[in-house]
Each structure stands twice: as C-alpha cells, then as structure tokens.
Amino acid sequence: MTLTALVAALVARGDDATVPIHTTTRAGFDTWLAREPERARAWLGATGFEGKAGQVSLLAAADGRLERVYLSLPEPLDVEASVNAGVDDGALWAFAACPGSLPAGTYALAGRPSAALSDQAALGWALAGYRFGRYRNQPEIKARLVWPVRARRDAVESAALATFLVRDLINTPAQDMGPPELAAAARTLARSFGARVSVIAGDQLLKRNYPAIHAVGRAAAKAPCLIDLTWEPKRGSPKRAGRRLRRVTICGKGVCFDSGGLDLKSSSNMQLMKKDMAGAAQALGLARMVMAAELPVRLRVLIPAVENAVAGNAYHPRDVLATRKGITVEVGNTDAEGRIVLADALAEACRDGCDLVIDLATLTGAARIALGTGLPALFCNDDALAARALDAGRAAADPLWRLPLWQPYRDKINSKVADINNIASGPYGGAIIAALFLQEFVTEGTPWIHLDFMAWNETSRPGRPEGGEAQGLRALYRLIARYYARR
C-alpha cells in the first residue's frame, strides 16, 4: 500500500459535483436538526435518522443526484470512560465506514470542523482504503474525500502509511517474509529517511555475543539475524536545534514463523504464525512515524529475526541457553521463544543507556484471554510513564490497558539448573510471567514499556480489514512525540 493509493482516497480539492458530509451527535441532534431545511428534516424523519452513533443517511436532490450525506458521530467520552465503556474513539471509525457505504464520487466535510475531527475523518477514510494486493488484485473504494482544511496532512499521511507498512509486513506469508526479507524491509525504510542499518546474521551472532537469538533460529533454512536500525535528525535540522536528543530504543519480536520448535504446535495453532513477527513490523512502523516527523530523538530499532523451526540442530526442552546479559535460561518450552530472542535485544538496548526502551511482541495467548484480541496489554516499570502511555492511547483512539509486573509471581520462573526458566511452573498468569522474564534483561532504572498484542483482526470492520493490524502504534508515537521529543 503506497502513497499513490492514499492519494487516491484523499484528494486536494473538490469540484461542482462534490457532495458535502454533514455531521451531528445524539446530544446535539435536536438543535442541529432544527437548523436543517424542511425537506431534509422530513427525509431524516422518514428514514429513521435519530442521531445515533454511526447512522448514515443520503439525501437526493430534486433531479435525483446525491445532494448531501448525513453522518452521526459518537459523543466524545472522557479519559476513563472511553476505555471503560469499551469505546475506541468512534469518530475515526465512523468515518472509516463511509467509503464502503457511499457511491463513487468525491465528498467533503461540511462546515468548519475542528482540527481533531478533521484528522480523524482523513485518517479513517485513508485506513478504509487499505488493500493487501501482493498476490491478487483487490477492488479499490471509489468514494474519495477532499482533504479537510484543518487536517494535519503530514501527520495523517504518516499514521496511515505506517499502518499500511505494518499490515503489509504481517500479511505477507513466511515464504516471502523470513529474516532476510525482514532485514530487506528495514533497509528499504532506512533509505527513505537517511537511517543506517546493520545486520548480524548466522554464526556471527555467536561471535558478537547474541547466543539466545542464534539458539532459537539456528534450525531454520533462513539464518537468524539481529537487525539494527539507527537514526537521528540531520545536524542543522530546525527540529534538532537547541535540543538534547533523548535516546529511544524499540525492540520488536521478529519470529517470522513459529512452529513451536520441538514443542510443536498443532496444525490449527500454526495457522496465524506468520504474524509472529508483528512486533518487528510495528517497530518499523513506529520508526517510520518518528523519522517522518523528524522528532528530535536518537532512535534505535533492534529486531531479533528468526524462524522457530524443527531440525536436527533445533534447541531442546531443558537446554540451558546463554544470553547476552550473562543470565542463563532453562528452556521449559521451545514454544516460548519470543521472550528468549527479546532477552538478547533488550540487553543490548540497555547497554548504552536509554531514556526509553519499548519492546513490542505478539508474546502470549494469556494476554488475549485476559483482554481479548483488540486491546493490547501494557506492562511498565514506571507508574508515571505508564499513565502517560495510557493517556496517549486514549487521545490517539488507540487504547492500551495496563497489567501489573506482579513481583510475587517471579519465583514461578525459578530454575534449579539455571538462573531463570522461560516458562512458569504452573498455567496461570502467563502474560505477567512473560513480562517478568523480560524485565530480568532490562537494566534497573531504565524506563521500559512492554506491549503484548494480537496484531490481527479476526473479522473485518470499517477501516480494520481481516488480517494483520497495527495496535498501539499511534499511542506510542504520541507518547514519544509529547514526552521524549521536547526541549
């Protein structure tokens, strides 16, 4: 999905045939309706348009042409209610529903909507236009929106294109998205923004002291690797002037396919395992947003890219693995491999001191059981940072939910033969256990966020087609932009 497709969904200007979209909400409906022409009031009443969230009504002119569209938006909710009521900011998704339900043509927002509403309209419309067309042609939506006057075009384009990148990478099957291809995607992204990428692959991982990544990926035909992208604004950039560049490092789980290893998954549980590199995909999407905005940070992205395969040299249950940090890990289950490869990446992330470390991973089914597939689990070792991340998610219509780093569970991953086991001694609290494992590899005092998410839409909804999905992307970007890119 390219900028060309985005430009097809949103156009610079309308013409005489452009149809206005008039918006209302339930709370203001009666006052709003009284200002509409009598003919429109009669039509809305006859069609049952009552200002309920998501309602759409099309009004024809006397000559039969479409004259205007009416769209009712959800009420803005307060910070707590927006998540506690289970509402992801409806304006964004209400607009995302429009392109698929409207006839071909050009549309524009009527009146002078706020900048925030303009952004949501443009982004929702853009996300509705996403198609994964690598292996077959997909029909394009023919309804186009004129860029709202007050929309922040650069920000909307950045969020949309980053989301498209994440979705494309996740949707690509493992045959075409192994560790080398993931490294190639990182290089392509880097070239677009003047970033640098180095890749440590195969046995070089052992020589450079990344033994855990090597152990998990060594059985695959495509060699494991560590992808390392670095970027900062160019010297002389006005966005850099007079600022201390804070260090932000993002680690993304890049398990390009997860068979479960010798603790083999069932066939049904392998069906979605091409998406097990979604943490890496989202790390690249987040990096794209940071670089496109030229945020004044020193950005680093670390992606341990592997395939967890079965072969004669695969690592075994009860093996004891070395790690970059020097902590030894007993393998309680080879299907808990994501935390093992992230262990080496997190140790490297903390090596030179960071103002913020984020790791992104499709790590546990337990987080999905706790929160479902649409709400990412946030773990954080700093209460103030966690509060800022949650606020950023609510403001960006990209909600997160915090789960605890409950220290009394730490003894569940004790090992009799190594420093730590990669799984718990019992079946409960799996998402927390995984987060506690990762925390062992984060230097004390380093602000750290761990996001455990599904990265997959099980069914299609407006703007969110079935398949790979970016979750928490806009929230984390807003967090970095607001709290780590200031003077």
Protein backbone atom coordinates (compact mmCIF):
# COMPACT_ATOMS: atom_id res chain seq x y z
CA MET A 1 0.00 0.00 0.00
CA THR A 2 1.70 3.16 -1.21
CA LEU A 3 1.32 6.89 -1.08
CA THR A 4 -0.29 6.61 -4.52
CA ALA A 5 -3.17 4.61 -3.05
CA LEU A 6 -3.51 7.10 -0.21
CA VAL A 7 -3.69 9.98 -2.67
CA ALA A 8 -6.47 8.10 -4.49
CA ALA A 9 -8.53 8.01 -1.27
CA LEU A 10 -7.98 11.68 -0.34
CA VAL A 11 -7.85 14.43 -2.93
CA ALA A 12 -6.65 18.00 -2.74
CA ARG A 13 -9.81 19.74 -3.95
CA GLY A 14 -13.36 19.08 -4.91
CA ASP A 15 -15.50 20.26 -7.83
CA ASP A 16 -19.08 21.16 -8.56
CA ALA A 17 -20.13 17.54 -8.09
CA THR A 18 -18.55 17.22 -4.61
CA VAL A 19 -21.09 16.03 -2.04
CA PRO A 20 -20.95 17.57 1.46
CA ILE A 21 -20.98 15.38 4.57
CA HIS A 22 -22.92 16.93 7.45
CA THR A 23 -22.18 15.55 10.90
CA THR A 24 -24.06 15.58 14.18
CA THR A 25 -24.14 13.78 17.52
CA ARG A 26 -27.03 12.47 19.59
CA ALA A 27 -26.60 15.10 22.30
CA GLY A 28 -26.83 18.00 19.88
CA PHE A 29 -29.21 16.36 17.46
CA ASP A 30 -32.42 18.29 18.19
CA THR A 31 -30.74 21.70 17.95
CA TRP A 32 -28.87 20.64 14.84
CA LEU A 33 -31.98 19.21 13.18
CA ALA A 34 -33.93 22.44 13.71
CA ARG A 35 -31.40 24.28 11.55
CA GLU A 36 -31.73 21.87 8.62
CA PRO A 37 -34.06 22.65 5.67
CA GLU A 38 -37.62 21.38 5.99
CA ARG A 39 -37.15 18.90 3.15
CA ALA A 40 -34.10 17.43 4.91
CA ARG A 41 -35.95 17.19 8.24
CA ALA A 42 -38.77 15.32 6.57
CA TRP A 43 -36.37 12.92 4.88
CA LEU A 44 -34.36 12.23 8.03
CA GLY A 45 -37.53 11.56 9.99
CA ALA A 46 -38.88 9.23 7.32
CA THR A 47 -35.63 7.24 7.21
CA GLY A 48 -35.28 6.94 10.99
CA PHE A 49 -32.19 9.08 11.32
CA GLU A 50 -32.11 10.00 15.03
CA GLY A 51 -28.50 10.97 15.61
CA LYS A 52 -27.46 7.54 16.87
CA ALA A 53 -23.76 6.89 16.52
CA GLY A 54 -22.82 5.56 13.10
CA GLN A 55 -26.10 6.36 11.36
CA VAL A 56 -25.80 7.48 7.74
CA SER A 57 -28.46 8.99 5.53
CA LEU A 58 -28.18 10.03 1.88
CA LEU A 59 -30.35 12.90 0.66
CA ALA A 60 -31.13 13.20 -3.05
CA ALA A 61 -31.70 16.46 -4.90
CA ALA A 62 -34.82 17.10 -6.96
CA ASP A 63 -33.03 15.89 -10.11
CA GLY A 64 -32.05 12.61 -8.44
CA ARG A 65 -28.40 13.45 -7.86
CA LEU A 66 -26.92 12.85 -4.42
CA GLU A 67 -27.15 16.22 -2.68
CA ARG A 68 -25.67 15.57 0.77
CA VAL A 69 -24.69 12.89 3.26
CA TYR A 70 -25.66 12.93 6.92
CA LEU A 71 -23.41 11.14 9.41
CA SER A 72 -23.96 10.85 13.14
CA LEU A 73 -20.83 10.59 15.27
CA PRO A 74 -20.43 9.12 18.77
CA GLU A 75 -20.17 11.52 21.66
CA PRO A 76 -16.62 12.32 22.77
CA LEU A 77 -16.06 10.48 26.05
CA ASP A 78 -13.88 11.44 28.97
CA VAL A 79 -10.49 9.83 29.51
CA GLU A 80 -11.62 6.95 31.73
CA ALA A 81 -14.99 6.34 30.14
CA SER A 82 -13.53 5.99 26.66
CA VAL A 83 -11.83 2.75 27.68
CA ASN A 84 -14.06 1.59 30.49
CA ALA A 85 -17.10 1.82 28.22
CA GLY A 86 -15.26 -0.16 25.55
CA VAL A 87 -15.44 2.68 23.02
CA ASP A 88 -12.47 3.24 20.74
CA ASP A 89 -12.90 6.82 19.61
CA GLY A 90 -15.88 6.35 17.35
CA ALA A 91 -15.38 9.36 15.11
CA LEU A 92 -12.35 7.75 13.48
CA TRP A 93 -14.17 4.51 12.74
CA ALA A 94 -17.45 6.20 11.82
CA PHE A 95 -15.59 7.98 9.04
CA ALA A 96 -13.84 4.74 8.12
CA ALA A 97 -17.26 3.20 7.47
CA CYS A 98 -18.16 5.87 4.93
CA PRO A 99 -16.11 4.96 1.83
CA GLY A 100 -17.53 1.45 1.64
CA SER A 101 -21.12 2.60 2.06
CA LEU A 102 -21.14 5.58 -0.30
CA PRO A 103 -21.42 5.61 -4.10
CA ALA A 104 -18.44 6.53 -6.22
CA GLY A 105 -17.67 10.22 -6.16
CA THR A 106 -15.97 12.99 -4.24
CA TYR A 107 -17.06 14.07 -0.76
CA ALA A 108 -16.09 16.85 1.63
CA LEU A 109 -16.80 17.73 5.25
CA ALA A 110 -19.38 20.47 5.53
CA GLY A 111 -18.88 23.48 7.79
CA ARG A 112 -15.66 24.06 9.65
CA PRO A 113 -14.95 21.00 11.81
CA SER A 114 -12.23 21.08 14.45
CA ALA A 115 -8.67 20.09 13.64
CA ALA A 116 -9.05 16.91 15.71
CA LEU A 117 -12.22 15.87 13.90
CA SER A 118 -10.63 16.71 10.56
CA ASP A 119 -7.68 14.45 11.38
CA GLN A 120 -9.99 11.61 12.38
CA ALA A 121 -12.05 11.97 9.22
CA ALA A 122 -9.00 11.90 6.97
CA LEU A 123 -7.29 9.05 8.81
CA GLY A 124 -10.46 6.96 9.00
CA TRP A 125 -11.06 7.44 5.27
CA ALA A 126 -7.45 6.53 4.49
CA LEU A 127 -7.48 3.37 6.63
CA ALA A 128 -10.67 2.25 4.92
CA GLY A 129 -8.77 2.28 1.64
CA TYR A 130 -6.21 -0.31 2.70
CA ARG A 131 -5.92 -3.39 0.49
CA PHE A 132 -3.33 -6.17 0.62
CA GLY A 133 -2.73 -6.74 -3.06
CA ARG A 134 0.58 -8.57 -3.27
CA TYR A 135 -0.88 -11.84 -4.51
CA ARG A 136 -4.12 -10.77 -6.21
CA ASN A 137 -5.76 -7.61 -7.37
CA GLN A 138 -8.14 -6.06 -4.85
CA PRO A 139 -11.01 -3.74 -5.74
CA GLU A 140 -10.45 -0.15 -4.69
CA ILE A 141 -13.03 2.02 -3.00
CA LYS A 142 -14.29 4.70 -5.37
CA ALA A 143 -15.50 7.23 -2.82
CA ARG A 144 -12.88 9.94 -2.26
CA LEU A 145 -12.64 12.60 0.43
CA VAL A 146 -11.36 16.12 -0.07
CA TRP A 147 -8.66 16.81 2.48
CA PRO A 148 -10.35 18.70 5.33
CA VAL A 149 -8.97 22.24 5.53
CA ARG A 150 -7.85 21.90 9.15
CA ALA A 151 -6.44 18.37 8.89
CA ARG A 152 -2.75 17.96 9.71
CA ARG A 153 -1.95 16.34 6.40
CA ASP A 154 1.61 15.28 7.20
CA ALA A 155 0.55 13.61 10.47
CA VAL A 156 -2.40 11.81 8.89
CA GLU A 157 -0.32 10.56 5.97
CA SER A 158 2.39 9.39 8.34
CA ALA A 159 -0.03 7.44 10.55
CA ALA A 160 -1.77 5.88 7.55
CA LEU A 161 1.41 4.88 5.72
CA ALA A 162 2.96 3.44 8.89
CA THR A 163 -0.19 1.40 9.46
CA PHE A 164 -0.11 0.17 5.86
CA LEU A 165 3.53 -0.85 6.30
CA VAL A 166 2.75 -2.82 9.45
CA ARG A 167 -0.23 -4.54 7.86
CA ASP A 168 1.66 -5.42 4.68
CA LEU A 169 4.57 -6.96 6.59
CA ILE A 170 2.29 -9.04 8.81
CA ASN A 171 0.05 -10.20 5.96
CA THR A 172 2.99 -11.42 3.88
CA PRO A 173 3.41 -15.19 4.38
CA ALA A 174 6.59 -16.66 5.82
CA GLN A 175 7.78 -17.90 2.42
CA ASP A 176 8.31 -14.26 1.46
CA MET A 177 8.91 -12.74 4.91
CA GLY A 178 11.72 -14.61 6.60
CA PRO A 179 14.61 -12.97 8.47
CA PRO A 180 16.42 -11.87 5.28
CA GLU A 181 13.27 -10.31 3.83
CA LEU A 182 12.52 -8.55 7.11
CA ALA A 183 16.05 -7.15 7.05
CA ALA A 184 15.48 -6.01 3.46
CA ALA A 185 12.29 -4.20 4.55
CA ALA A 186 14.27 -2.42 7.27
CA ARG A 187 16.90 -1.36 4.73
CA THR A 188 14.25 -0.03 2.36
CA LEU A 189 12.71 2.01 5.15
CA ALA A 190 16.12 3.28 6.24
CA ARG A 191 16.99 4.52 2.76
CA SER A 192 13.82 6.60 2.68
CA PHE A 193 14.81 8.56 5.79
CA GLY A 194 18.59 8.54 5.82
CA ALA A 195 18.86 5.94 8.60
CA ARG A 196 21.54 3.27 8.90
CA VAL A 197 21.00 -0.47 9.17
CA SER A 198 23.44 -3.19 10.15
CA VAL A 199 22.59 -6.89 10.21
CA ILE A 200 24.35 -9.59 12.23
CA ALA A 201 23.40 -12.97 10.77
CA GLY A 202 24.03 -16.68 11.26
CA ASP A 203 27.08 -17.73 13.24
CA GLN A 204 28.16 -14.11 13.52
CA LEU A 205 25.51 -13.87 16.24
CA LEU A 206 27.65 -16.18 18.36
CA LYS A 207 30.82 -14.24 17.66
CA ARG A 208 29.08 -10.97 18.56
CA ASN A 209 27.51 -12.44 21.73
CA TYR A 210 23.86 -12.88 20.80
CA PRO A 211 23.63 -16.57 21.73
CA ALA A 212 19.93 -16.67 22.58
CA ILE A 213 18.86 -15.33 19.17
CA HIS A 214 21.13 -17.85 17.47
CA ALA A 215 19.84 -20.77 19.53
CA VAL A 216 16.21 -20.15 18.64
CA GLY A 217 16.80 -19.55 14.94
CA ARG A 218 19.63 -21.93 14.05
CA ALA A 219 17.39 -24.81 12.89
CA ALA A 220 15.75 -22.80 10.09
CA ALA A 221 16.84 -22.78 6.45
CA LYS A 222 16.97 -18.97 6.59
CA ALA A 223 19.62 -17.85 9.06
CA PRO A 224 18.61 -15.85 12.14
CA CYS A 225 19.77 -12.28 12.41
CA LEU A 226 19.71 -9.14 14.51
CA ILE A 227 18.57 -6.08 12.57
CA ASP A 228 19.88 -2.81 14.00
CA LEU A 229 18.49 0.48 12.61
CA THR A 230 19.77 3.83 13.89
CA TRP A 231 18.60 7.34 13.06
CA GLU A 232 18.68 10.90 14.32
CA PRO A 233 17.75 14.23 12.73
CA LYS A 234 20.41 15.72 10.50
CA ARG A 235 22.68 18.30 12.03
CA GLY A 236 21.32 21.71 11.20
CA SER A 237 17.72 20.46 11.19
CA PRO A 238 15.49 23.16 12.76
CA LYS A 239 13.73 20.43 14.76
CA ARG A 240 17.04 19.48 16.32
CA ALA A 241 18.36 22.94 17.16
CA GLY A 242 18.91 23.58 20.85
CA ARG A 243 17.56 20.20 21.94
CA ARG A 244 19.09 17.35 23.84
CA LEU A 245 18.38 14.29 21.77
CA ARG A 246 16.91 11.65 24.04
CA ARG A 247 17.69 8.02 23.34
CA VAL A 248 14.67 5.92 22.40
CA THR A 249 15.17 2.26 21.55
CA ILE A 250 12.44 0.00 20.18
CA CYS A 251 12.81 -3.78 20.22
CA GLY A 252 10.44 -5.81 18.03
CA LYS A 253 9.91 -9.55 18.20
CA GLY A 254 10.69 -10.86 14.72
CA VAL A 255 9.69 -14.52 14.79
CA CYS A 256 8.88 -14.83 11.11
CA PHE A 257 7.20 -18.17 11.62
CA ASP A 258 6.64 -20.09 14.82
CA SER A 259 6.21 -23.84 14.51
CA GLY A 260 6.66 -24.13 18.26
CA GLY A 261 10.03 -25.82 17.77
CA LEU A 262 10.36 -29.30 19.24
CA ASP A 263 7.38 -28.48 21.47
CA LEU A 264 5.46 -28.47 18.21
CA LYS A 265 2.26 -26.51 17.82
CA SER A 266 -0.87 -28.20 16.49
CA SER A 267 -1.77 -27.55 12.87
CA SER A 268 -4.61 -25.22 13.84
CA ASN A 269 -2.36 -23.21 16.16
CA MET A 270 0.13 -22.67 13.33
CA GLN A 271 -2.42 -21.05 11.04
CA LEU A 272 -1.67 -17.49 12.14
CA MET A 273 2.00 -17.91 12.95
CA LYS A 274 3.14 -15.81 10.00
CA LYS A 275 2.04 -12.92 12.23
CA ASP A 276 4.52 -13.76 14.99
CA MET A 277 6.85 -11.12 13.57
CA ALA A 278 4.25 -8.39 14.17
CA GLY A 279 6.35 -6.85 16.94
CA ALA A 280 9.09 -6.28 14.38
CA ALA A 281 6.59 -4.92 11.86
CA GLN A 282 5.22 -2.50 14.40
CA ALA A 283 8.71 -1.43 15.46
CA LEU A 284 9.40 -0.47 11.85
CA GLY A 285 6.04 1.29 11.56
CA LEU A 286 6.71 3.29 14.71
CA ALA A 287 10.19 4.14 13.46
CA ARG A 288 8.66 5.35 10.22
CA MET A 289 6.40 7.77 12.09
CA VAL A 290 9.25 9.08 14.24
CA MET A 291 11.53 9.60 11.25
CA ALA A 292 8.84 11.13 9.03
CA ALA A 293 8.13 13.73 11.73
CA GLU A 294 11.86 14.28 12.29
CA LEU A 295 11.33 14.00 16.03
CA PRO A 296 14.43 15.20 17.90
CA VAL A 297 15.41 11.82 19.34
CA ARG A 298 18.21 9.34 18.84
CA LEU A 299 16.25 6.37 17.58
CA ARG A 300 17.39 2.79 17.56
CA VAL A 301 15.38 -0.24 16.43
CA LEU A 302 16.55 -3.74 17.33
CA ILE A 303 14.81 -6.69 15.70
CA PRO A 304 15.84 -10.25 16.53
CA ALA A 305 14.59 -12.02 13.39
CA VAL A 306 14.29 -15.81 13.45
CA GLU A 307 12.17 -18.71 12.35
CA ASN A 308 11.41 -21.16 15.15
CA ALA A 309 11.79 -24.34 13.13
CA VAL A 310 12.30 -28.08 13.67
CA ALA A 311 15.51 -29.79 12.53
CA GLY A 312 18.31 -31.92 13.90
CA ASN A 313 20.06 -28.90 15.35
CA ALA A 314 16.98 -27.33 16.94
CA TYR A 315 17.25 -26.32 20.56
CA HIS A 316 15.62 -28.72 23.02
CA PRO A 317 13.35 -28.57 26.04
CA ARG A 318 15.54 -28.43 29.16
CA ASP A 319 18.50 -27.00 27.28
CA VAL A 320 20.27 -24.21 29.16
CA LEU A 321 20.93 -21.20 26.95
CA ALA A 322 23.44 -18.42 27.38
CA THR A 323 22.27 -14.84 26.84
CA ARG A 324 23.95 -11.55 26.04
CA LYS A 325 23.42 -10.32 29.59
CA GLY A 326 25.06 -13.39 31.09
CA ILE A 327 21.83 -14.76 32.57
CA THR A 328 21.38 -18.46 31.85
CA VAL A 329 17.94 -19.64 30.73
CA GLU A 330 16.50 -23.11 31.13
CA VAL A 331 14.14 -23.92 28.26
CA GLY A 332 10.91 -25.06 29.83
CA ASN A 333 9.19 -24.92 26.45
CA THR A 334 10.59 -24.22 22.98
CA ASP A 335 7.29 -22.57 22.05
CA ALA A 336 8.04 -19.67 24.39
CA GLU A 337 10.77 -18.49 22.06
CA GLY A 338 9.82 -14.85 21.61
CA ARG A 339 10.91 -13.86 25.09
CA ILE A 340 14.22 -15.67 24.56
CA VAL A 341 15.17 -13.69 21.45
CA LEU A 342 13.95 -10.45 23.02
CA ALA A 343 16.22 -11.12 26.01
CA ASP A 344 19.32 -10.52 23.88
CA ALA A 345 17.77 -7.48 22.19
CA LEU A 346 16.75 -5.87 25.50
CA ALA A 347 20.19 -6.44 26.98
CA GLU A 348 21.74 -4.63 24.02
CA ALA A 349 19.13 -1.87 24.15
CA CYS A 350 20.08 -1.07 27.74
CA ARG A 351 23.82 -1.34 27.17
CA ASP A 352 24.50 2.30 26.31
CA GLY A 353 21.81 3.89 28.47
CA CYS A 354 18.38 4.87 27.18
CA ASP A 355 15.74 7.40 28.12
CA LEU A 356 13.08 4.94 26.95
CA VAL A 357 13.07 1.29 25.91
CA ILE A 358 9.98 -0.19 24.27
CA ASP A 359 9.55 -3.81 23.30
CA LEU A 360 6.72 -4.92 21.05
CA ALA A 361 5.61 -8.53 20.76
CA THR A 362 2.82 -10.95 19.99
CA LEU A 363 4.05 -12.72 23.08
CA THR A 364 1.32 -14.64 24.92
CA GLY A 365 -2.09 -16.15 24.42
CA ALA A 366 -2.66 -15.34 28.07
CA ALA A 367 -2.85 -11.61 27.30
CA ARG A 368 -5.53 -12.34 24.70
CA ILE A 369 -7.50 -14.44 27.17
CA ALA A 370 -7.33 -11.58 29.67
CA LEU A 371 -8.10 -8.67 27.33
CA GLY A 372 -9.33 -10.15 24.08
CA THR A 373 -7.80 -9.55 20.68
CA GLY A 374 -8.45 -5.81 20.33
CA LEU A 375 -6.81 -4.37 23.44
CA PRO A 376 -3.00 -4.55 23.87
CA ALA A 377 -1.59 -5.34 27.30
CA LEU A 378 0.83 -2.72 28.59
CA PHE A 379 3.49 -3.53 31.18
CA CYS A 380 5.71 -0.78 32.52
CA ASN A 381 8.27 -0.38 35.30
CA ASP A 382 7.41 3.30 35.91
CA ASP A 383 3.96 4.44 37.06
CA ALA A 384 4.25 7.95 35.62
CA LEU A 385 5.39 6.59 32.25
CA ALA A 386 2.55 4.06 32.24
CA ALA A 387 0.00 6.79 32.93
CA ARG A 388 1.37 8.87 30.05
CA ALA A 389 1.22 5.87 27.70
CA LEU A 390 -2.40 5.15 28.63
CA ASP A 391 -3.34 8.81 28.16
CA ALA A 392 -1.59 8.83 24.78
CA GLY A 393 -3.57 5.78 23.72
CA ARG A 394 -6.87 7.36 24.65
CA ALA A 395 -6.01 10.62 22.90
CA ALA A 396 -4.95 8.77 19.74
CA ALA A 397 -8.02 6.48 19.63
CA ASP A 398 -5.57 3.61 20.07
CA PRO A 399 -6.27 2.32 23.60
CA LEU A 400 -3.96 0.26 25.82
CA TRP A 401 -4.63 -1.50 29.12
CA ARG A 402 -2.07 -1.85 31.89
CA LEU A 403 -1.37 -5.19 33.55
CA PRO A 404 0.92 -5.46 36.59
CA LEU A 405 4.52 -6.57 36.88
CA TRP A 406 3.42 -8.58 39.91
CA GLN A 407 6.69 -9.45 41.65
CA PRO A 408 5.28 -12.27 43.86
CA TYR A 409 4.98 -14.31 40.64
CA ARG A 410 8.70 -14.02 39.90
CA ASP A 411 9.55 -17.21 41.79
CA LYS A 412 7.37 -19.17 39.34
CA ILE A 413 10.18 -18.92 36.77
CA ASN A 414 12.95 -20.02 39.10
CA SER A 415 15.10 -22.84 37.77
CA LYS A 416 17.08 -25.49 39.63
CA VAL A 417 19.78 -25.64 36.96
CA ALA A 418 19.91 -22.10 35.52
CA ASP A 419 19.33 -18.51 36.56
CA ILE A 420 15.78 -18.50 35.17
CA ASN A 421 13.26 -20.63 33.28
CA ASN A 422 11.47 -19.30 30.22
CA ILE A 423 8.06 -20.55 31.41
CA ALA A 424 6.23 -20.78 34.71
CA SER A 425 5.81 -23.86 36.83
CA GLY A 426 2.01 -23.54 36.51
CA PRO A 427 -0.60 -22.44 33.93
CA TYR A 428 -1.73 -19.13 35.42
CA GLY A 429 -0.70 -15.51 34.87
CA GLY A 430 1.10 -16.24 31.63
CA ALA A 431 1.24 -12.65 30.32
CA ILE A 432 2.62 -11.38 33.64
CA ILE A 433 5.13 -14.23 33.81
CA ALA A 434 6.42 -13.39 30.33
CA ALA A 435 6.77 -9.72 31.24
CA LEU A 436 8.64 -10.60 34.43
CA PHE A 437 11.01 -12.75 32.37
CA LEU A 438 11.74 -9.82 30.05
CA GLN A 439 12.23 -7.47 32.98
CA GLU A 440 15.23 -9.54 34.06
CA PHE A 441 17.03 -8.28 30.96
CA VAL A 442 16.20 -4.60 31.44
CA THR A 443 18.78 -2.61 33.38
CA GLU A 444 17.33 -1.35 36.64
CA GLY A 445 16.35 2.31 36.36
CA THR A 446 15.78 2.21 32.60
CA PRO A 447 12.24 3.39 31.73
CA TRP A 448 10.69 0.40 29.94
CA ILE A 449 7.40 -0.44 28.24
CA HIS A 450 6.43 -3.93 27.12
CA LEU A 451 3.44 -4.26 24.78
CA ASP A 452 1.83 -7.69 24.28
CA PHE A 453 -0.73 -7.58 21.48
CA MET A 454 -2.64 -9.69 18.94
CA ALA A 455 -1.77 -7.74 15.75
CA TRP A 456 -4.59 -9.43 13.86
CA ASN A 457 -8.19 -8.60 13.05
CA GLU A 458 -10.21 -11.80 13.20
CA THR A 459 -13.06 -10.26 11.21
CA SER A 460 -13.38 -7.20 9.02
CA ARG A 461 -14.71 -3.93 10.38
CA PRO A 462 -14.65 -0.46 8.83
CA GLY A 463 -11.03 0.63 8.45
CA ARG A 464 -9.84 -2.62 10.01
CA PRO A 465 -9.93 -5.47 7.48
CA GLU A 466 -9.39 -9.07 8.49
CA GLY A 467 -5.66 -9.70 8.72
CA GLY A 468 -2.59 -8.02 10.13
CA GLU A 469 -3.11 -4.94 12.27
CA ALA A 470 -1.12 -2.20 13.97
CA GLN A 471 -2.15 -1.94 17.62
CA GLY A 472 -0.70 0.68 19.94
CA LEU A 473 1.21 2.28 17.07
CA ARG A 474 -0.39 5.73 17.25
CA ALA A 475 -0.41 5.61 21.06
CA LEU A 476 3.33 5.01 21.30
CA TYR A 477 4.10 7.61 18.66
CA ARG A 478 2.11 10.19 20.60
CA LEU A 479 3.94 9.21 23.79
CA ILE A 480 7.34 9.71 22.16
CA ALA A 481 6.35 12.94 20.44
CA ARG A 482 4.89 14.51 23.58
CA TYR A 483 7.30 13.37 26.27
CA TYR A 484 10.60 12.45 24.62
CA ALA A 485 10.89 14.99 21.82
CA ARG A 486 10.61 18.16 23.89
CA ARG A 487 13.34 20.56 24.90
